[in-house]
Amino acid sequence: MRTRVKVLGAVVLAAVLGGVGCAGTKEAVRDVEAAVPGLSQKHEGVVTNVDKDANRIAVKAVDDPSVQEVWFALTPDTKMERDGQMVTWDDIDEGTPVRVSFEPAAGPERTYKLEILTGQKADEVKQKAKNMDQ
């Protein structure tokens, strides 16, 4: 009987920790990632400001309307690309739809990848940004 209780307890614990059947698991993961420095995150949005002198850009995220404009530091180690091809600062302007992969940091977020979105995905991000402004 005790073995059965232990097994049942382990199964219940695994289900709870694994998020089986829980509503809001995506939100919970996002909350944990946002709270723990060093965990990788991604935001899709539109570039609202480009500061080439300070090597940073501001992005208004469209995947979470509660997120304000966020500054992202771009370093020589930041991979910048469009459709798998490398791009430069000259390809980034205000209004450019992007996906930013970063690690939370004090001040501008540490960006390790910046993808300029194209095609249907770019159109979706621009439409979401437009709807958020209304």
N, C-alpha and C. Protein backbone atom coordinates (compact mmCIF):
# COMPACT_ATOMS: atom_id res chain seq x y z
N MET A 1 0.82 -1.20 0.00
CA MET A 1 0.00 0.00 0.00
C MET A 1 0.86 1.26 0.00
N ARG A 2 1.93 1.30 0.80
CA ARG A 2 2.79 2.47 0.85
C ARG A 2 3.48 2.70 -0.49
N THR A 3 3.86 1.61 -1.14
CA THR A 3 4.51 1.72 -2.45
C THR A 3 3.56 2.36 -3.45
N ARG A 4 2.29 1.95 -3.40
CA ARG A 4 1.29 2.50 -4.29
C ARG A 4 1.09 4.00 -4.03
N VAL A 5 1.07 4.40 -2.80
CA VAL A 5 0.91 5.81 -2.44
C VAL A 5 2.12 6.61 -2.92
N LYS A 6 3.31 6.05 -2.75
CA LYS A 6 4.53 6.74 -3.20
C LYS A 6 4.53 6.90 -4.72
N VAL A 7 4.15 5.87 -5.42
CA VAL A 7 4.10 5.93 -6.88
C VAL A 7 3.06 6.96 -7.32
N LEU A 8 1.89 6.91 -6.71
CA LEU A 8 0.84 7.87 -7.06
C LEU A 8 1.30 9.29 -6.77
N GLY A 9 1.96 9.49 -5.65
CA GLY A 9 2.48 10.82 -5.30
C GLY A 9 3.51 11.29 -6.31
N ALA A 10 4.38 10.39 -6.76
CA ALA A 10 5.39 10.74 -7.75
C ALA A 10 4.75 11.12 -9.08
N VAL A 11 3.71 10.39 -9.46
CA VAL A 11 3.01 10.68 -10.71
C VAL A 11 2.33 12.04 -10.64
N VAL A 12 1.67 12.32 -9.53
CA VAL A 12 0.99 13.61 -9.36
C VAL A 12 2.02 14.73 -9.37
N LEU A 13 3.13 14.55 -8.68
CA LEU A 13 4.18 15.57 -8.64
C LEU A 13 4.73 15.82 -10.04
N ALA A 14 4.98 14.75 -10.80
CA ALA A 14 5.50 14.91 -12.16
C ALA A 14 4.50 15.64 -13.04
N ALA A 15 3.21 15.34 -12.87
CA ALA A 15 2.18 16.00 -13.67
C ALA A 15 2.11 17.49 -13.35
N VAL A 16 2.20 17.83 -12.08
CA VAL A 16 2.15 19.24 -11.67
C VAL A 16 3.38 19.97 -12.17
N LEU A 17 4.56 19.39 -11.95
CA LEU A 17 5.79 20.05 -12.39
C LEU A 17 5.88 20.12 -13.91
N GLY A 18 5.37 19.12 -14.58
CA GLY A 18 5.41 19.09 -16.04
C GLY A 18 4.33 19.93 -16.68
N GLY A 19 3.39 20.39 -15.90
CA GLY A 19 2.34 21.25 -16.42
C GLY A 19 1.25 20.51 -17.16
N VAL A 20 1.13 19.20 -16.95
CA VAL A 20 0.11 18.43 -17.65
C VAL A 20 -1.26 18.90 -17.20
N GLY A 21 -2.05 19.33 -18.15
CA GLY A 21 -3.42 19.73 -17.86
C GLY A 21 -3.56 21.08 -17.19
N CYS A 22 -2.50 21.81 -17.03
CA CYS A 22 -2.58 23.11 -16.38
C CYS A 22 -2.90 24.19 -17.39
N ALA A 23 -3.79 25.06 -17.03
CA ALA A 23 -4.06 26.22 -17.89
C ALA A 23 -2.98 27.25 -17.62
N GLY A 24 -2.53 27.90 -18.67
CA GLY A 24 -1.57 28.98 -18.49
C GLY A 24 -0.13 28.54 -18.36
N THR A 25 0.24 27.38 -18.85
CA THR A 25 1.63 26.94 -18.71
C THR A 25 2.56 27.83 -19.51
N LYS A 26 2.14 28.32 -20.67
CA LYS A 26 2.99 29.22 -21.45
C LYS A 26 3.24 30.51 -20.68
N GLU A 27 2.20 31.01 -20.05
CA GLU A 27 2.35 32.23 -19.27
C GLU A 27 3.27 32.00 -18.08
N ALA A 28 3.16 30.84 -17.45
CA ALA A 28 4.02 30.53 -16.31
C ALA A 28 5.47 30.44 -16.73
N VAL A 29 5.73 29.81 -17.87
CA VAL A 29 7.10 29.71 -18.37
C VAL A 29 7.64 31.10 -18.66
N ARG A 30 6.83 31.94 -19.30
CA ARG A 30 7.27 33.31 -19.63
C ARG A 30 7.58 34.09 -18.35
N ASP A 31 6.75 33.92 -17.31
CA ASP A 31 6.99 34.60 -16.04
C ASP A 31 8.29 34.15 -15.40
N VAL A 32 8.54 32.84 -15.41
CA VAL A 32 9.77 32.31 -14.82
C VAL A 32 10.97 32.81 -15.61
N GLU A 33 10.90 32.74 -16.94
CA GLU A 33 12.02 33.20 -17.76
C GLU A 33 12.31 34.67 -17.52
N ALA A 34 11.27 35.48 -17.39
CA ALA A 34 11.45 36.91 -17.18
C ALA A 34 12.04 37.21 -15.81
N ALA A 35 11.78 36.35 -14.85
CA ALA A 35 12.25 36.60 -13.49
C ALA A 35 13.67 36.09 -13.24
N VAL A 36 14.17 35.21 -14.09
CA VAL A 36 15.47 34.62 -13.85
C VAL A 36 16.47 35.16 -14.86
N PRO A 37 17.44 35.98 -14.40
CA PRO A 37 18.45 36.49 -15.30
C PRO A 37 19.25 35.35 -15.91
N GLY A 38 19.65 35.52 -17.17
CA GLY A 38 20.46 34.52 -17.83
C GLY A 38 19.68 33.55 -18.68
N LEU A 39 18.34 33.52 -18.55
CA LEU A 39 17.54 32.65 -19.39
C LEU A 39 17.21 33.38 -20.69
N SER A 40 17.33 32.69 -21.78
CA SER A 40 17.10 33.26 -23.09
C SER A 40 15.62 33.57 -23.29
N GLN A 41 15.35 34.69 -23.95
CA GLN A 41 14.00 35.10 -24.27
C GLN A 41 13.95 35.62 -25.70
N LYS A 42 12.75 35.68 -26.27
CA LYS A 42 12.56 36.23 -27.61
C LYS A 42 11.37 37.18 -27.58
N HIS A 43 11.49 38.24 -28.35
CA HIS A 43 10.38 39.16 -28.55
C HIS A 43 10.28 39.45 -30.03
N GLU A 44 9.06 39.52 -30.52
CA GLU A 44 8.82 40.00 -31.87
C GLU A 44 8.21 41.38 -31.74
N GLY A 45 8.63 42.28 -32.61
CA GLY A 45 8.10 43.62 -32.54
C GLY A 45 8.61 44.49 -33.66
N VAL A 46 8.41 45.78 -33.47
CA VAL A 46 8.80 46.76 -34.46
C VAL A 46 9.82 47.70 -33.84
N VAL A 47 10.89 47.98 -34.59
CA VAL A 47 11.91 48.90 -34.12
C VAL A 47 11.30 50.29 -34.04
N THR A 48 11.44 50.93 -32.87
CA THR A 48 10.89 52.26 -32.67
C THR A 48 11.97 53.33 -32.60
N ASN A 49 13.23 52.91 -32.37
CA ASN A 49 14.33 53.87 -32.27
C ASN A 49 15.64 53.15 -32.55
N VAL A 50 16.53 53.80 -33.29
CA VAL A 50 17.85 53.25 -33.59
C VAL A 50 18.89 54.25 -33.10
N ASP A 51 19.73 53.81 -32.16
CA ASP A 51 20.80 54.66 -31.62
C ASP A 51 22.13 54.00 -31.98
N LYS A 52 22.63 54.34 -33.18
CA LYS A 52 23.87 53.72 -33.66
C LYS A 52 25.07 54.13 -32.82
N ASP A 53 25.06 55.34 -32.26
CA ASP A 53 26.17 55.80 -31.44
C ASP A 53 26.32 54.95 -30.18
N ALA A 54 25.19 54.53 -29.60
CA ALA A 54 25.22 53.73 -28.38
C ALA A 54 25.08 52.23 -28.68
N ASN A 55 25.01 51.87 -29.97
CA ASN A 55 24.88 50.48 -30.39
C ASN A 55 23.67 49.80 -29.75
N ARG A 56 22.51 50.44 -29.90
CA ARG A 56 21.31 49.84 -29.34
C ARG A 56 20.09 50.25 -30.17
N ILE A 57 19.05 49.43 -30.03
CA ILE A 57 17.78 49.72 -30.69
C ILE A 57 16.66 49.58 -29.67
N ALA A 58 15.56 50.28 -29.91
CA ALA A 58 14.37 50.14 -29.08
C ALA A 58 13.33 49.39 -29.90
N VAL A 59 12.66 48.44 -29.25
CA VAL A 59 11.66 47.61 -29.92
C VAL A 59 10.39 47.60 -29.08
N LYS A 60 9.25 47.82 -29.74
CA LYS A 60 7.95 47.67 -29.10
C LYS A 60 7.46 46.27 -29.41
N ALA A 61 7.41 45.42 -28.38
CA ALA A 61 7.02 44.03 -28.55
C ALA A 61 5.54 43.94 -28.88
N VAL A 62 5.19 43.03 -29.81
CA VAL A 62 3.79 42.82 -30.16
C VAL A 62 3.26 41.51 -29.59
N ASP A 63 4.15 40.66 -29.06
CA ASP A 63 3.71 39.39 -28.51
C ASP A 63 3.18 39.52 -27.10
N ASP A 64 3.42 40.65 -26.45
CA ASP A 64 2.91 40.89 -25.11
C ASP A 64 2.61 42.38 -24.98
N PRO A 65 1.34 42.78 -25.13
CA PRO A 65 0.98 44.20 -25.12
C PRO A 65 1.35 44.93 -23.84
N SER A 66 1.55 44.20 -22.74
CA SER A 66 1.89 44.87 -21.48
C SER A 66 3.35 45.30 -21.43
N VAL A 67 4.17 44.76 -22.33
CA VAL A 67 5.58 45.11 -22.35
C VAL A 67 5.76 46.47 -23.02
N GLN A 68 6.46 47.34 -22.34
CA GLN A 68 6.74 48.65 -22.90
C GLN A 68 7.87 48.53 -23.91
N GLU A 69 8.21 49.61 -24.55
CA GLU A 69 9.36 49.66 -25.45
C GLU A 69 10.60 49.21 -24.68
N VAL A 70 11.39 48.34 -25.28
CA VAL A 70 12.57 47.78 -24.62
C VAL A 70 13.81 48.11 -25.45
N TRP A 71 14.88 48.50 -24.78
CA TRP A 71 16.15 48.78 -25.45
C TRP A 71 16.99 47.51 -25.48
N PHE A 72 17.59 47.24 -26.63
CA PHE A 72 18.44 46.07 -26.82
C PHE A 72 19.82 46.53 -27.26
N ALA A 73 20.86 46.10 -26.52
CA ALA A 73 22.24 46.41 -26.89
C ALA A 73 22.71 45.43 -27.96
N LEU A 74 23.26 45.98 -29.03
CA LEU A 74 23.81 45.16 -30.11
C LEU A 74 25.33 45.27 -30.05
N THR A 75 25.98 44.14 -29.89
CA THR A 75 27.43 44.09 -29.78
C THR A 75 28.01 43.46 -31.04
N PRO A 76 29.33 43.46 -31.18
CA PRO A 76 29.93 42.76 -32.32
C PRO A 76 29.59 41.26 -32.32
N ASP A 77 29.21 40.71 -31.18
CA ASP A 77 28.84 39.30 -31.09
C ASP A 77 27.39 39.04 -31.47
N THR A 78 26.59 40.09 -31.59
CA THR A 78 25.18 39.93 -31.95
C THR A 78 25.08 39.49 -33.41
N LYS A 79 24.38 38.39 -33.62
CA LYS A 79 24.16 37.88 -34.97
C LYS A 79 22.95 38.61 -35.55
N MET A 80 23.16 39.36 -36.64
CA MET A 80 22.08 40.10 -37.28
C MET A 80 21.85 39.50 -38.66
N GLU A 81 20.59 39.10 -38.92
CA GLU A 81 20.32 38.44 -40.20
C GLU A 81 18.91 38.70 -40.71
N ARG A 82 18.75 38.49 -42.02
CA ARG A 82 17.45 38.53 -42.69
C ARG A 82 17.44 37.34 -43.64
N ASP A 83 16.47 36.46 -43.48
CA ASP A 83 16.35 35.27 -44.32
C ASP A 83 17.64 34.45 -44.35
N GLY A 84 18.32 34.37 -43.20
CA GLY A 84 19.54 33.57 -43.09
C GLY A 84 20.79 34.26 -43.59
N GLN A 85 20.67 35.48 -44.12
CA GLN A 85 21.81 36.24 -44.62
C GLN A 85 22.19 37.33 -43.62
N MET A 86 23.46 37.53 -43.43
CA MET A 86 23.94 38.55 -42.50
C MET A 86 23.54 39.94 -42.99
N VAL A 87 23.18 40.82 -42.05
CA VAL A 87 22.85 42.21 -42.36
C VAL A 87 23.70 43.13 -41.48
N THR A 88 23.62 44.43 -41.76
CA THR A 88 24.37 45.42 -40.99
C THR A 88 23.41 46.44 -40.39
N TRP A 89 23.97 47.39 -39.67
CA TRP A 89 23.19 48.47 -39.08
C TRP A 89 22.37 49.21 -40.14
N ASP A 90 22.92 49.30 -41.35
CA ASP A 90 22.24 50.04 -42.41
C ASP A 90 20.90 49.42 -42.79
N ASP A 91 20.69 48.16 -42.44
CA ASP A 91 19.44 47.46 -42.76
C ASP A 91 18.37 47.63 -41.69
N ILE A 92 18.70 48.31 -40.60
CA ILE A 92 17.77 48.45 -39.47
C ILE A 92 17.31 49.90 -39.37
N ASP A 93 16.01 50.10 -39.53
CA ASP A 93 15.41 51.43 -39.43
C ASP A 93 14.20 51.37 -38.53
N GLU A 94 13.70 52.54 -38.15
CA GLU A 94 12.44 52.59 -37.41
C GLU A 94 11.36 51.96 -38.27
N GLY A 95 10.51 51.14 -37.66
CA GLY A 95 9.44 50.48 -38.37
C GLY A 95 9.80 49.10 -38.89
N THR A 96 11.07 48.70 -38.73
CA THR A 96 11.50 47.38 -39.20
C THR A 96 10.95 46.31 -38.26
N PRO A 97 10.24 45.30 -38.81
CA PRO A 97 9.75 44.19 -37.96
C PRO A 97 10.91 43.24 -37.65
N VAL A 98 11.06 42.90 -36.36
CA VAL A 98 12.20 42.09 -35.94
C VAL A 98 11.78 41.03 -34.92
N ARG A 99 12.64 40.01 -34.78
CA ARG A 99 12.58 39.05 -33.68
C ARG A 99 13.92 39.18 -32.97
N VAL A 100 13.88 39.47 -31.68
CA VAL A 100 15.09 39.69 -30.91
C VAL A 100 15.23 38.55 -29.90
N SER A 101 16.38 37.89 -29.92
CA SER A 101 16.71 36.85 -28.94
C SER A 101 17.72 37.46 -27.98
N PHE A 102 17.43 37.38 -26.68
CA PHE A 102 18.25 38.11 -25.71
C PHE A 102 18.26 37.43 -24.36
N GLU A 103 19.16 37.91 -23.51
CA GLU A 103 19.19 37.53 -22.10
C GLU A 103 18.92 38.79 -21.30
N PRO A 104 18.02 38.72 -20.32
CA PRO A 104 17.73 39.90 -19.51
C PRO A 104 18.99 40.42 -18.82
N ALA A 105 19.08 41.74 -18.73
CA ALA A 105 20.23 42.37 -18.08
C ALA A 105 19.79 43.70 -17.50
N ALA A 106 20.59 44.23 -16.60
CA ALA A 106 20.33 45.57 -16.10
C ALA A 106 20.68 46.53 -17.23
N GLY A 107 19.82 47.50 -17.50
CA GLY A 107 20.03 48.39 -18.64
C GLY A 107 19.53 47.72 -19.90
N PRO A 108 20.13 48.05 -21.05
CA PRO A 108 19.69 47.41 -22.29
C PRO A 108 19.91 45.89 -22.23
N GLU A 109 18.95 45.16 -22.77
CA GLU A 109 19.05 43.70 -22.77
C GLU A 109 20.23 43.26 -23.64
N ARG A 110 20.91 42.16 -23.23
CA ARG A 110 22.04 41.63 -24.00
C ARG A 110 21.49 40.79 -25.16
N THR A 111 21.62 41.32 -26.34
CA THR A 111 21.05 40.69 -27.53
C THR A 111 22.08 39.80 -28.19
N TYR A 112 21.72 38.54 -28.43
CA TYR A 112 22.65 37.66 -29.13
C TYR A 112 22.20 37.37 -30.54
N LYS A 113 20.94 37.68 -30.89
CA LYS A 113 20.49 37.50 -32.26
C LYS A 113 19.36 38.48 -32.58
N LEU A 114 19.46 39.10 -33.74
CA LEU A 114 18.44 40.00 -34.24
C LEU A 114 18.08 39.52 -35.64
N GLU A 115 16.81 39.15 -35.81
CA GLU A 115 16.34 38.69 -37.12
C GLU A 115 15.38 39.73 -37.68
N ILE A 116 15.68 40.23 -38.87
CA ILE A 116 14.74 41.11 -39.56
C ILE A 116 13.72 40.20 -40.23
N LEU A 117 12.47 40.40 -39.87
CA LEU A 117 11.40 39.54 -40.39
C LEU A 117 10.99 39.99 -41.79
N THR A 118 10.62 39.01 -42.60
CA THR A 118 10.19 39.29 -43.97
C THR A 118 8.91 38.52 -44.27
N GLY A 119 8.31 38.84 -45.40
CA GLY A 119 7.15 38.09 -45.87
C GLY A 119 5.94 38.18 -44.96
N GLN A 120 5.23 37.06 -44.84
CA GLN A 120 4.00 37.01 -44.07
C GLN A 120 4.23 37.32 -42.60
N LYS A 121 5.32 36.83 -42.03
CA LYS A 121 5.61 37.08 -40.61
C LYS A 121 5.81 38.57 -40.36
N ALA A 122 6.52 39.25 -41.25
CA ALA A 122 6.72 40.70 -41.12
C ALA A 122 5.38 41.43 -41.19
N ASP A 123 4.54 41.00 -42.12
CA ASP A 123 3.22 41.62 -42.25
C ASP A 123 2.38 41.43 -40.98
N GLU A 124 2.45 40.23 -40.38
CA GLU A 124 1.71 39.95 -39.14
C GLU A 124 2.18 40.86 -38.02
N VAL A 125 3.49 41.00 -37.87
CA VAL A 125 4.04 41.84 -36.79
C VAL A 125 3.65 43.30 -37.01
N LYS A 126 3.75 43.78 -38.24
CA LYS A 126 3.36 45.16 -38.53
C LYS A 126 1.88 45.40 -38.23
N GLN A 127 1.03 44.43 -38.58
CA GLN A 127 -0.41 44.56 -38.33
C GLN A 127 -0.70 44.57 -36.83
N LYS A 128 -0.03 43.69 -36.07
CA LYS A 128 -0.21 43.68 -34.62
C LYS A 128 0.21 45.01 -34.02
N ALA A 129 1.34 45.54 -34.48
CA ALA A 129 1.82 46.83 -33.97
C ALA A 129 0.83 47.94 -34.29
N LYS A 130 0.28 47.90 -35.49
CA LYS A 130 -0.70 48.91 -35.90
C LYS A 130 -1.95 48.81 -35.03
N ASN A 131 -2.42 47.60 -34.76
CA ASN A 131 -3.60 47.40 -33.93
C ASN A 131 -3.36 47.85 -32.49
N MET A 132 -2.14 47.69 -32.00
CA MET A 132 -1.81 48.10 -30.63
C MET A 132 -1.83 49.62 -30.50
N ASP A 133 -1.50 50.33 -31.57
CA ASP A 133 -1.44 51.78 -31.54
C ASP A 133 -2.82 52.42 -31.61
N GLN A 134 -3.83 51.65 -31.99
CA GLN A 134 -5.17 52.22 -32.14
C GLN A 134 -5.92 52.25 -30.83
